[in-house]
């Protein structure tokens, strides 16, 4: 089972911080390290928690992300793969990466910390798809697309059943090889249609990047009767909500802007120092890199 991560650094910055100091261009002009370099700390801890449980970890990134961040983290393998997508489809880079793998894999976003052996069941052979969680219908922001585009989804063979309103979250995304061709077929068709729509209308639709990755995977899985395993149990999410469920099972995903907040950076540094002291040197070396860049 191949364990992979991916990250493309955009000139416009993060999809969660696109203005002002969230812009890479601003950072380069002002020699401001306050935004982009903060990704290092969550990525380092994410790598460590994967490495200690599952061994070999491969990072796929574009050249600027490697030069800025990932050459300072001791991945077993780093693959340079340039990003051909705009910010409108900011997470398509992940799909481009996993399309090249050609074997069973588990992809973990570099702001996810794996503090338990969540993947063992999937690796040992059970399940066709592994996801972070299945999103309940009441919380699913992507449901509108399936409900408003039933005929299109029927035409491409993605939803010939009555939609139940759910989707998946892909902070963790594992796929057995036999599931991949159908998923990529459907996502390629959706992406082509969206490119036509954007060309004709000058803009896309709300959440289109997440629809591409997360809604389409759920539809393909249900359409083809693939067995979905979830890291965050669905029944616990219904009862406690997603964040409390993460606390219960010892799973952490630094969603959206949280990865840039000083209190979480401080917590990450403390965890590495106390629990993974053999990796403390990488923080110290990177701190020196940041100091030099600020001069």
C-alpha atoms as a PDB file:
ATOM      1  CA  UNK A   1       0.000   0.000   0.000  1.00  0.00           C
ATOM      2  CA  UNK A   2       1.554   3.289  -1.102  1.00  0.00           C
ATOM      3  CA  UNK A   3       1.261   6.118   1.453  1.00  0.00           C
ATOM      4  CA  UNK A   4       1.334   9.505  -0.265  1.00  0.00           C
ATOM      5  CA  UNK A   5       0.879  13.193   0.392  1.00  0.00           C
ATOM      6  CA  UNK A   6       0.663  16.087  -2.039  1.00  0.00           C
ATOM      7  CA  UNK A   7       0.904  19.858  -1.958  1.00  0.00           C
ATOM      8  CA  UNK A   8       1.028  22.497  -4.688  1.00  0.00           C
ATOM      9  CA  UNK A   9       2.016  26.018  -3.729  1.00  0.00           C
ATOM     10  CA  UNK A  10       0.015  28.598  -5.673  1.00  0.00           C
ATOM     11  CA  UNK A  11       1.277  32.067  -6.489  1.00  0.00           C
ATOM     12  CA  UNK A  12      -2.014  33.404  -5.135  1.00  0.00           C
ATOM     13  CA  UNK A  13      -1.396  31.690  -1.826  1.00  0.00           C
ATOM     14  CA  UNK A  14      -3.763  29.383   0.021  1.00  0.00           C
ATOM     15  CA  UNK A  15      -7.442  28.929  -0.921  1.00  0.00           C
ATOM     16  CA  UNK A  16      -8.091  29.828   2.730  1.00  0.00           C
ATOM     17  CA  UNK A  17      -5.832  32.920   2.717  1.00  0.00           C
ATOM     18  CA  UNK A  18      -5.891  34.554  -0.691  1.00  0.00           C
ATOM     19  CA  UNK A  19      -5.626  38.222   0.178  1.00  0.00           C
ATOM     20  CA  UNK A  20      -2.917  40.449   1.575  1.00  0.00           C
ATOM     21  CA  UNK A  21      -0.391  38.452   3.561  1.00  0.00           C
ATOM     22  CA  UNK A  22      -1.977  35.233   2.315  1.00  0.00           C
ATOM     23  CA  UNK A  23      -0.568  35.891  -1.135  1.00  0.00           C
ATOM     24  CA  UNK A  24       2.716  34.270  -2.097  1.00  0.00           C
ATOM     25  CA  UNK A  25       3.432  37.206  -4.406  1.00  0.00           C
ATOM     26  CA  UNK A  26       3.040  39.607  -1.456  1.00  0.00           C
ATOM     27  CA  UNK A  27       5.271  37.416   0.670  1.00  0.00           C
ATOM     28  CA  UNK A  28       8.020  37.423  -1.957  1.00  0.00           C
ATOM     29  CA  UNK A  29       7.801  41.184  -2.474  1.00  0.00           C
ATOM     30  CA  UNK A  30       7.814  42.028   1.222  1.00  0.00           C
ATOM     31  CA  UNK A  31      10.070  39.165   2.348  1.00  0.00           C
ATOM     32  CA  UNK A  32       7.199  38.241   4.628  1.00  0.00           C
ATOM     33  CA  UNK A  33       7.433  34.704   6.041  1.00  0.00           C
ATOM     34  CA  UNK A  34       4.329  34.839   8.210  1.00  0.00           C
ATOM     35  CA  UNK A  35       2.067  32.903   5.872  1.00  0.00           C
ATOM     36  CA  UNK A  36       3.561  30.298   3.619  1.00  0.00           C
ATOM     37  CA  UNK A  37       6.277  28.995   5.911  1.00  0.00           C
ATOM     38  CA  UNK A  38       3.751  28.102   8.598  1.00  0.00           C
ATOM     39  CA  UNK A  39       2.697  25.151   6.445  1.00  0.00           C
ATOM     40  CA  UNK A  40       6.011  23.521   7.361  1.00  0.00           C
ATOM     41  CA  UNK A  41       5.074  22.712  10.949  1.00  0.00           C
ATOM     42  CA  UNK A  42       1.789  20.922  10.240  1.00  0.00           C
ATOM     43  CA  UNK A  43       3.373  19.112   7.280  1.00  0.00           C
ATOM     44  CA  UNK A  44       6.284  17.928   9.425  1.00  0.00           C
ATOM     45  CA  UNK A  45       4.021  16.521  12.138  1.00  0.00           C
ATOM     46  CA  UNK A  46       1.730  14.961   9.525  1.00  0.00           C
ATOM     47  CA  UNK A  47       4.715  13.214   7.944  1.00  0.00           C
ATOM     48  CA  UNK A  48       6.032  12.054  11.323  1.00  0.00           C
ATOM     49  CA  UNK A  49       2.728  10.506  12.409  1.00  0.00           C
ATOM     50  CA  UNK A  50       2.515   8.620   9.110  1.00  0.00           C
ATOM     51  CA  UNK A  51       6.157   7.565   9.137  1.00  0.00           C
ATOM     52  CA  UNK A  52       6.128   6.050  12.635  1.00  0.00           C
ATOM     53  CA  UNK A  53       3.040   3.929  11.846  1.00  0.00           C
ATOM     54  CA  UNK A  54       3.229   3.107   8.169  1.00  0.00           C
ATOM     55  CA  UNK A  55       6.855   3.454   7.079  1.00  0.00           C
ATOM     56  CA  UNK A  56       7.631   4.796   3.620  1.00  0.00           C
ATOM     57  CA  UNK A  57       5.937   8.139   2.817  1.00  0.00           C
ATOM     58  CA  UNK A  58       6.066   9.852  -0.581  1.00  0.00           C
ATOM     59  CA  UNK A  59       5.418  13.574  -1.089  1.00  0.00           C
ATOM     60  CA  UNK A  60       4.316  14.934  -4.463  1.00  0.00           C
ATOM     61  CA  UNK A  61       4.776  18.700  -4.819  1.00  0.00           C
ATOM     62  CA  UNK A  62       5.588  21.387  -7.325  1.00  0.00           C
ATOM     63  CA  UNK A  63       9.079  22.865  -7.481  1.00  0.00           C
ATOM     64  CA  UNK A  64       8.331  26.029  -5.530  1.00  0.00           C
ATOM     65  CA  UNK A  65       6.721  24.001  -2.736  1.00  0.00           C
ATOM     66  CA  UNK A  66       9.797  21.779  -2.627  1.00  0.00           C
ATOM     67  CA  UNK A  67      12.200  24.737  -2.510  1.00  0.00           C
ATOM     68  CA  UNK A  68      10.123  26.551   0.108  1.00  0.00           C
ATOM     69  CA  UNK A  69       8.948  23.740   2.359  1.00  0.00           C
ATOM     70  CA  UNK A  70       9.439  20.092   1.635  1.00  0.00           C
ATOM     71  CA  UNK A  71      13.136  19.760   1.075  1.00  0.00           C
ATOM     72  CA  UNK A  72      13.413  20.495   4.805  1.00  0.00           C
ATOM     73  CA  UNK A  73      11.282  17.450   5.752  1.00  0.00           C
ATOM     74  CA  UNK A  74      12.873  13.958   5.596  1.00  0.00           C
ATOM     75  CA  UNK A  75      10.382  12.255   3.289  1.00  0.00           C
ATOM     76  CA  UNK A  76      11.441   8.850   1.986  1.00  0.00           C
ATOM     77  CA  UNK A  77      10.703  10.070  -1.527  1.00  0.00           C
ATOM     78  CA  UNK A  78       9.775  13.404  -3.058  1.00  0.00           C
ATOM     79  CA  UNK A  79       8.334  13.582  -6.564  1.00  0.00           C
ATOM     80  CA  UNK A  80       8.365  16.972  -8.294  1.00  0.00           C
ATOM     81  CA  UNK A  81       5.181  17.373 -10.300  1.00  0.00           C
ATOM     82  CA  UNK A  82       4.164  20.788 -11.532  1.00  0.00           C
ATOM     83  CA  UNK A  83       0.665  22.103 -10.975  1.00  0.00           C
ATOM     84  CA  UNK A  84      -1.366  22.953 -14.073  1.00  0.00           C
ATOM     85  CA  UNK A  85      -4.519  24.041 -12.266  1.00  0.00           C
ATOM     86  CA  UNK A  86      -5.783  27.446 -11.256  1.00  0.00           C
ATOM     87  CA  UNK A  87      -7.107  28.369  -7.841  1.00  0.00           C
ATOM     88  CA  UNK A  88     -10.669  27.699  -9.042  1.00  0.00           C
ATOM     89  CA  UNK A  89      -9.757  24.013  -8.898  1.00  0.00           C
ATOM     90  CA  UNK A  90      -7.205  24.222  -6.107  1.00  0.00           C
ATOM     91  CA  UNK A  91      -7.484  20.579  -5.031  1.00  0.00           C
ATOM     92  CA  UNK A  92      -7.404  19.031  -8.524  1.00  0.00           C
ATOM     93  CA  UNK A  93      -3.655  18.704  -8.028  1.00  0.00           C
ATOM     94  CA  UNK A  94      -4.417  15.849  -5.626  1.00  0.00           C
ATOM     95  CA  UNK A  95      -6.420  14.054  -8.319  1.00  0.00           C
ATOM     96  CA  UNK A  96      -3.644  14.625 -10.857  1.00  0.00           C
ATOM     97  CA  UNK A  97      -1.198  13.061  -8.411  1.00  0.00           C
ATOM     98  CA  UNK A  98      -3.206   9.989  -7.486  1.00  0.00           C
ATOM     99  CA  UNK A  99      -4.008   9.342 -11.145  1.00  0.00           C
ATOM    100  CA  UNK A 100      -0.293   8.677 -11.723  1.00  0.00           C
ATOM    101  CA  UNK A 101       0.125   6.135  -8.894  1.00  0.00           C
ATOM    102  CA  UNK A 102      -1.345   3.048 -10.567  1.00  0.00           C
ATOM    103  CA  UNK A 103      -1.636   0.913  -7.434  1.00  0.00           C
ATOM    104  CA  UNK A 104      -3.485   0.764  -4.131  1.00  0.00           C
ATOM    105  CA  UNK A 105      -2.800   3.949  -2.181  1.00  0.00           C
ATOM    106  CA  UNK A 106      -3.733   6.080   0.795  1.00  0.00           C
ATOM    107  CA  UNK A 107      -3.413   9.833   0.360  1.00  0.00           C
ATOM    108  CA  UNK A 108      -3.239  11.960   3.514  1.00  0.00           C
ATOM    109  CA  UNK A 109      -3.462  15.747   3.378  1.00  0.00           C
ATOM    110  CA  UNK A 110      -0.409  17.350   5.007  1.00  0.00           C
ATOM    111  CA  UNK A 111      -2.525  19.033   7.684  1.00  0.00           C
ATOM    112  CA  UNK A 112      -3.815  15.694   9.026  1.00  0.00           C
ATOM    113  CA  UNK A 113      -2.224  13.957  12.027  1.00  0.00           C
ATOM    114  CA  UNK A 114      -2.554  10.184  12.357  1.00  0.00           C
ATOM    115  CA  UNK A 115      -2.215   9.375  16.065  1.00  0.00           C
ATOM    116  CA  UNK A 116      -3.690   5.854  15.790  1.00  0.00           C
ATOM    117  CA  UNK A 117      -3.479   2.959  13.317  1.00  0.00           C
ATOM    118  CA  UNK A 118      -6.531   4.075  11.370  1.00  0.00           C
ATOM    119  CA  UNK A 119      -5.494   2.445   8.097  1.00  0.00           C
ATOM    120  CA  UNK A 120      -4.845  -1.135   9.216  1.00  0.00           C
ATOM    121  CA  UNK A 121      -8.228  -2.550   8.210  1.00  0.00           C
ATOM    122  CA  UNK A 122      -8.013  -1.028   4.731  1.00  0.00           C
ATOM    123  CA  UNK A 123      -4.400  -2.120   4.217  1.00  0.00           C
ATOM    124  CA  UNK A 124      -5.180  -5.690   5.320  1.00  0.00           C
ATOM    125  CA  UNK A 125      -7.727  -5.979   2.549  1.00  0.00           C
ATOM    126  CA  UNK A 126     -11.115  -4.823   3.761  1.00  0.00           C
ATOM    127  CA  UNK A 127     -12.945  -2.052   1.952  1.00  0.00           C
ATOM    128  CA  UNK A 128     -12.638  -0.570  -1.533  1.00  0.00           C
ATOM    129  CA  UNK A 129     -12.491   3.120  -0.554  1.00  0.00           C
ATOM    130  CA  UNK A 130     -11.093   4.767   2.576  1.00  0.00           C
ATOM    131  CA  UNK A 131     -12.207   8.286   3.485  1.00  0.00           C
ATOM    132  CA  UNK A 132     -11.870  10.668   6.389  1.00  0.00           C
ATOM    133  CA  UNK A 133     -15.632  10.666   6.941  1.00  0.00           C
ATOM    134  CA  UNK A 134     -19.008  10.388   5.291  1.00  0.00           C
ATOM    135  CA  UNK A 135     -20.761  13.752   5.476  1.00  0.00           C
ATOM    136  CA  UNK A 136     -24.379  13.547   6.735  1.00  0.00           C
ATOM    137  CA  UNK A 137     -27.015  15.002   4.422  1.00  0.00           C
ATOM    138  CA  UNK A 138     -27.851  17.782   6.883  1.00  0.00           C
ATOM    139  CA  UNK A 139     -24.233  18.999   6.830  1.00  0.00           C
ATOM    140  CA  UNK A 140     -23.442  18.461   3.151  1.00  0.00           C
ATOM    141  CA  UNK A 141     -22.752  21.738   1.339  1.00  0.00           C
ATOM    142  CA  UNK A 142     -22.300  19.896  -1.962  1.00  0.00           C
ATOM    143  CA  UNK A 143     -25.725  18.223  -2.150  1.00  0.00           C
ATOM    144  CA  UNK A 144     -27.212  20.981  -4.314  1.00  0.00           C
ATOM    145  CA  UNK A 145     -25.152  19.900  -7.304  1.00  0.00           C
ATOM    146  CA  UNK A 146     -26.399  16.307  -7.278  1.00  0.00           C
ATOM    147  CA  UNK A 147     -29.994  17.407  -6.807  1.00  0.00           C
ATOM    148  CA  UNK A 148     -29.834  20.032  -9.558  1.00  0.00           C
ATOM    149  CA  UNK A 149     -27.946  17.909 -12.120  1.00  0.00           C
ATOM    150  CA  UNK A 150     -29.628  14.514 -11.965  1.00  0.00           C
ATOM    151  CA  UNK A 151     -29.792  14.056 -15.754  1.00  0.00           C
ATOM    152  CA  UNK A 152     -26.120  14.899 -16.261  1.00  0.00           C
ATOM    153  CA  UNK A 153     -25.077  12.488 -13.510  1.00  0.00           C
ATOM    154  CA  UNK A 154     -27.291   9.771 -15.002  1.00  0.00           C
ATOM    155  CA  UNK A 155     -25.766  10.332 -18.440  1.00  0.00           C
ATOM    156  CA  UNK A 156     -22.236   9.814 -17.160  1.00  0.00           C
ATOM    157  CA  UNK A 157     -23.242   6.792 -15.084  1.00  0.00           C
ATOM    158  CA  UNK A 158     -22.490   8.381 -11.729  1.00  0.00           C
ATOM    159  CA  UNK A 159     -25.949   8.427 -10.151  1.00  0.00           C
ATOM    160  CA  UNK A 160     -28.637   6.107 -11.479  1.00  0.00           C
ATOM    161  CA  UNK A 161     -30.059   5.802  -7.965  1.00  0.00           C
ATOM    162  CA  UNK A 162     -32.025   8.157  -5.734  1.00  0.00           C
ATOM    163  CA  UNK A 163     -29.521  10.517  -4.107  1.00  0.00           C
ATOM    164  CA  UNK A 164     -29.383  10.350  -0.299  1.00  0.00           C
ATOM    165  CA  UNK A 165     -27.806  13.778   0.192  1.00  0.00           C
ATOM    166  CA  UNK A 166     -24.418  12.654   1.477  1.00  0.00           C
ATOM    167  CA  UNK A 167     -20.790  13.104   0.376  1.00  0.00           C
ATOM    168  CA  UNK A 168     -17.333  12.255   1.712  1.00  0.00           C
ATOM    169  CA  UNK A 169     -14.462  14.274   3.169  1.00  0.00           C
ATOM    170  CA  UNK A 170     -11.070  13.544   1.669  1.00  0.00           C
ATOM    171  CA  UNK A 171      -8.561  14.543   4.351  1.00  0.00           C
ATOM    172  CA  UNK A 172      -7.744  10.853   4.099  1.00  0.00           C
ATOM    173  CA  UNK A 173      -8.453   9.247   0.733  1.00  0.00           C
ATOM    174  CA  UNK A 174      -7.600   5.610   0.019  1.00  0.00           C
ATOM    175  CA  UNK A 175      -8.498   3.705  -3.142  1.00  0.00           C
ATOM    176  CA  UNK A 176      -7.919   0.139  -4.230  1.00  0.00           C
ATOM    177  CA  UNK A 177      -6.703  -0.133  -7.795  1.00  0.00           C
ATOM    178  CA  UNK A 178      -9.957  -1.613  -9.150  1.00  0.00           C
ATOM    179  CA  UNK A 179     -11.917   1.510  -8.110  1.00  0.00           C
ATOM    180  CA  UNK A 180      -9.690   4.114  -9.682  1.00  0.00           C
ATOM    181  CA  UNK A 181     -10.517   3.991 -13.404  1.00  0.00           C
ATOM    182  CA  UNK A 182     -14.212   4.676 -12.845  1.00  0.00           C
ATOM    183  CA  UNK A 183     -13.515   7.529 -10.451  1.00  0.00           C
ATOM    184  CA  UNK A 184     -11.114   9.190 -12.867  1.00  0.00           C
ATOM    185  CA  UNK A 185     -13.533   8.677 -15.764  1.00  0.00           C
ATOM    186  CA  UNK A 186     -16.291  10.515 -13.889  1.00  0.00           C
ATOM    187  CA  UNK A 187     -14.064  13.304 -12.541  1.00  0.00           C
ATOM    188  CA  UNK A 188     -12.584  13.880 -16.002  1.00  0.00           C
ATOM    189  CA  UNK A 189     -16.086  14.262 -17.471  1.00  0.00           C
ATOM    190  CA  UNK A 190     -17.169  16.615 -14.709  1.00  0.00           C
ATOM    191  CA  UNK A 191     -14.027  18.715 -15.049  1.00  0.00           C
ATOM    192  CA  UNK A 192     -14.454  19.020 -18.829  1.00  0.00           C
ATOM    193  CA  UNK A 193     -18.058  20.128 -18.409  1.00  0.00           C
ATOM    194  CA  UNK A 194     -17.052  22.687 -15.798  1.00  0.00           C
ATOM    195  CA  UNK A 195     -14.347  24.094 -18.053  1.00  0.00           C
ATOM    196  CA  UNK A 196     -16.962  24.546 -20.775  1.00  0.00           C
ATOM    197  CA  UNK A 197     -19.321  26.189 -18.296  1.00  0.00           C
ATOM    198  CA  UNK A 198     -16.620  28.574 -17.075  1.00  0.00           C
ATOM    199  CA  UNK A 199     -15.667  29.454 -20.655  1.00  0.00           C
ATOM    200  CA  UNK A 200     -19.294  30.258 -21.508  1.00  0.00           C
ATOM    201  CA  UNK A 201     -20.148  32.072 -18.268  1.00  0.00           C
ATOM    202  CA  UNK A 202     -16.880  33.602 -17.099  1.00  0.00           C
ATOM    203  CA  UNK A 203     -17.055  31.853 -13.745  1.00  0.00           C
ATOM    204  CA  UNK A 204     -17.784  28.498 -12.197  1.00  0.00           C
ATOM    205  CA  UNK A 205     -20.130  27.283  -9.492  1.00  0.00           C
ATOM    206  CA  UNK A 206     -19.870  27.283  -5.726  1.00  0.00           C
ATOM    207  CA  UNK A 207     -17.660  24.544  -4.213  1.00  0.00           C
ATOM    208  CA  UNK A 208     -16.785  23.171  -7.658  1.00  0.00           C
ATOM    209  CA  UNK A 209     -13.356  21.986  -6.526  1.00  0.00           C
ATOM    210  CA  UNK A 210     -14.819  19.999  -3.640  1.00  0.00           C
ATOM    211  CA  UNK A 211     -17.589  18.636  -5.855  1.00  0.00           C
ATOM    212  CA  UNK A 212     -14.908  17.320  -8.197  1.00  0.00           C
ATOM    213  CA  UNK A 213     -13.047  15.429  -5.493  1.00  0.00           C
ATOM    214  CA  UNK A 214     -15.470  14.612  -2.710  1.00  0.00           C
ATOM    215  CA  UNK A 215     -19.015  14.473  -4.056  1.00  0.00           C
ATOM    216  CA  UNK A 216     -17.951  12.561  -7.157  1.00  0.00           C
ATOM    217  CA  UNK A 217     -16.116   9.940  -5.123  1.00  0.00           C
ATOM    218  CA  UNK A 218     -19.200   9.318  -3.003  1.00  0.00           C
ATOM    219  CA  UNK A 219     -21.432   9.022  -6.080  1.00  0.00           C
ATOM    220  CA  UNK A 220     -19.020   6.653  -7.827  1.00  0.00           C
ATOM    221  CA  UNK A 221     -18.664   4.503  -4.710  1.00  0.00           C
ATOM    222  CA  UNK A 222     -22.420   4.122  -4.239  1.00  0.00           C
ATOM    223  CA  UNK A 223     -23.093   3.659  -7.959  1.00  0.00           C
ATOM    224  CA  UNK A 224     -20.582   0.803  -8.143  1.00  0.00           C
ATOM    225  CA  UNK A 225     -21.327  -0.708  -4.735  1.00  0.00           C
ATOM    226  CA  UNK A 226     -17.818  -0.042  -3.442  1.00  0.00           C
ATOM    227  CA  UNK A 227     -17.408  -0.600   0.272  1.00  0.00           C
ATOM    228  CA  UNK A 228     -16.457   2.647   2.031  1.00  0.00           C
ATOM    229  CA  UNK A 229     -14.425   2.613   5.246  1.00  0.00           C
ATOM    230  CA  UNK A 230     -14.354   5.822   7.282  1.00  0.00           C
ATOM    231  CA  UNK A 231     -11.671   7.004   9.714  1.00  0.00           C
ATOM    232  CA  UNK A 232     -14.231   9.051  11.637  1.00  0.00           C
ATOM    233  CA  UNK A 233     -17.184   6.740  12.301  1.00  0.00           C
ATOM    234  CA  UNK A 234     -20.459   7.963  10.824  1.00  0.00           C
ATOM    235  CA  UNK A 235     -22.542   7.060  13.887  1.00  0.00           C
ATOM    236  CA  UNK A 236     -20.242   9.075  16.152  1.00  0.00           C
ATOM    237  CA  UNK A 237     -20.440  12.082  13.823  1.00  0.00           C
ATOM    238  CA  UNK A 238     -24.233  11.936  13.918  1.00  0.00           C
ATOM    239  CA  UNK A 239     -24.140  11.833  17.707  1.00  0.00           C
ATOM    240  CA  UNK A 240     -21.250  14.181  18.558  1.00  0.00           C
ATOM    241  CA  UNK A 241     -20.323  16.195  15.447  1.00  0.00           C
ATOM    242  CA  UNK A 242     -17.116  15.918  13.489  1.00  0.00           C
ATOM    243  CA  UNK A 243     -14.720  17.808  15.767  1.00  0.00           C
ATOM    244  CA  UNK A 244     -15.767  15.941  18.919  1.00  0.00           C
ATOM    245  CA  UNK A 245     -15.543  12.666  17.012  1.00  0.00           C
ATOM    246  CA  UNK A 246     -11.979  13.541  16.052  1.00  0.00           C
ATOM    247  CA  UNK A 247     -11.181  14.056  19.738  1.00  0.00           C
ATOM    248  CA  UNK A 248     -12.772  10.723  20.646  1.00  0.00           C
ATOM    249  CA  UNK A 249     -10.787   8.649  18.131  1.00  0.00           C
ATOM    250  CA  UNK A 250      -7.574  10.728  18.355  1.00  0.00           C
ATOM    251  CA  UNK A 251      -7.645  12.114  14.810  1.00  0.00           C
ATOM    252  CA  UNK A 252      -6.701  15.704  14.009  1.00  0.00           C
ATOM    253  CA  UNK A 253      -7.301  17.673  10.821  1.00  0.00           C
ATOM    254  CA  UNK A 254      -6.256  21.328  10.984  1.00  0.00           C
ATOM    255  CA  UNK A 255      -9.077  22.564   8.814  1.00  0.00           C
ATOM    256  CA  UNK A 256      -8.883  25.773   6.809  1.00  0.00           C
ATOM    257  CA  UNK A 257      -7.179  28.678   8.610  1.00  0.00           C
ATOM    258  CA  UNK A 258      -6.393  26.795  11.823  1.00  0.00           C
ATOM    259  CA  UNK A 259      -3.061  25.557  10.487  1.00  0.00           C
ATOM    260  CA  UNK A 260      -1.817  29.158  10.346  1.00  0.00           C
ATOM    261  CA  UNK A 261      -2.797  30.161  13.883  1.00  0.00           C
ATOM    262  CA  UNK A 262       0.066  30.686  16.368  1.00  0.00           C
ATOM    263  CA  UNK A 263      -1.516  28.638  19.154  1.00  0.00           C
ATOM    264  CA  UNK A 264      -1.676  25.552  16.940  1.00  0.00           C
ATOM    265  CA  UNK A 265       1.858  26.068  15.649  1.00  0.00           C
ATOM    266  CA  UNK A 266       2.970  26.233  19.269  1.00  0.00           C
ATOM    267  CA  UNK A 267       1.108  23.003  20.056  1.00  0.00           C
ATOM    268  CA  UNK A 268       2.696  21.236  17.087  1.00  0.00           C
ATOM    269  CA  UNK A 269       6.168  22.291  18.138  1.00  0.00           C
ATOM    270  CA  UNK A 270       5.496  21.036  21.666  1.00  0.00           C
ATOM    271  CA  UNK A 271       4.196  17.677  20.442  1.00  0.00           C
ATOM    272  CA  UNK A 272       7.260  17.120  18.278  1.00  0.00           C
ATOM    273  CA  UNK A 273       9.617  18.125  21.067  1.00  0.00           C
ATOM    274  CA  UNK A 274       7.965  15.866  23.657  1.00  0.00           C
ATOM    275  CA  UNK A 275       6.786  12.871  21.623  1.00  0.00           C
ATOM    276  CA  UNK A 276       9.059  12.795  18.577  1.00  0.00           C
ATOM    277  CA  UNK A 277      12.265  14.392  19.825  1.00  0.00           C
ATOM    278  CA  UNK A 278      14.332  12.675  17.113  1.00  0.00           C
ATOM    279  CA  UNK A 279      12.711  15.125  14.653  1.00  0.00           C
ATOM    280  CA  UNK A 280      13.327  18.256  16.715  1.00  0.00           C
ATOM    281  CA  UNK A 281      16.415  19.049  14.641  1.00  0.00           C
ATOM    282  CA  UNK A 282      14.235  19.676  11.577  1.00  0.00           C
ATOM    283  CA  UNK A 283      12.315  22.399  13.394  1.00  0.00           C
ATOM    284  CA  UNK A 284      15.529  24.006  14.596  1.00  0.00           C
ATOM    285  CA  UNK A 285      17.031  23.945  11.098  1.00  0.00           C
ATOM    286  CA  UNK A 286      13.899  25.384   9.553  1.00  0.00           C
ATOM    287  CA  UNK A 287      13.717  28.129  12.164  1.00  0.00           C
ATOM    288  CA  UNK A 288      17.178  29.162  11.019  1.00  0.00           C
ATOM    289  CA  UNK A 289      16.045  29.150   7.390  1.00  0.00           C
ATOM    290  CA  UNK A 290      13.182  31.486   8.246  1.00  0.00           C
ATOM    291  CA  UNK A 291      15.485  33.822  10.164  1.00  0.00           C
ATOM    292  CA  UNK A 292      17.801  34.075   7.154  1.00  0.00           C
ATOM    293  CA  UNK A 293      14.899  34.756   4.793  1.00  0.00           C
ATOM    294  CA  UNK A 294      13.666  37.603   6.959  1.00  0.00           C
ATOM    295  CA  UNK A 295      16.950  39.500   6.679  1.00  0.00           C
END
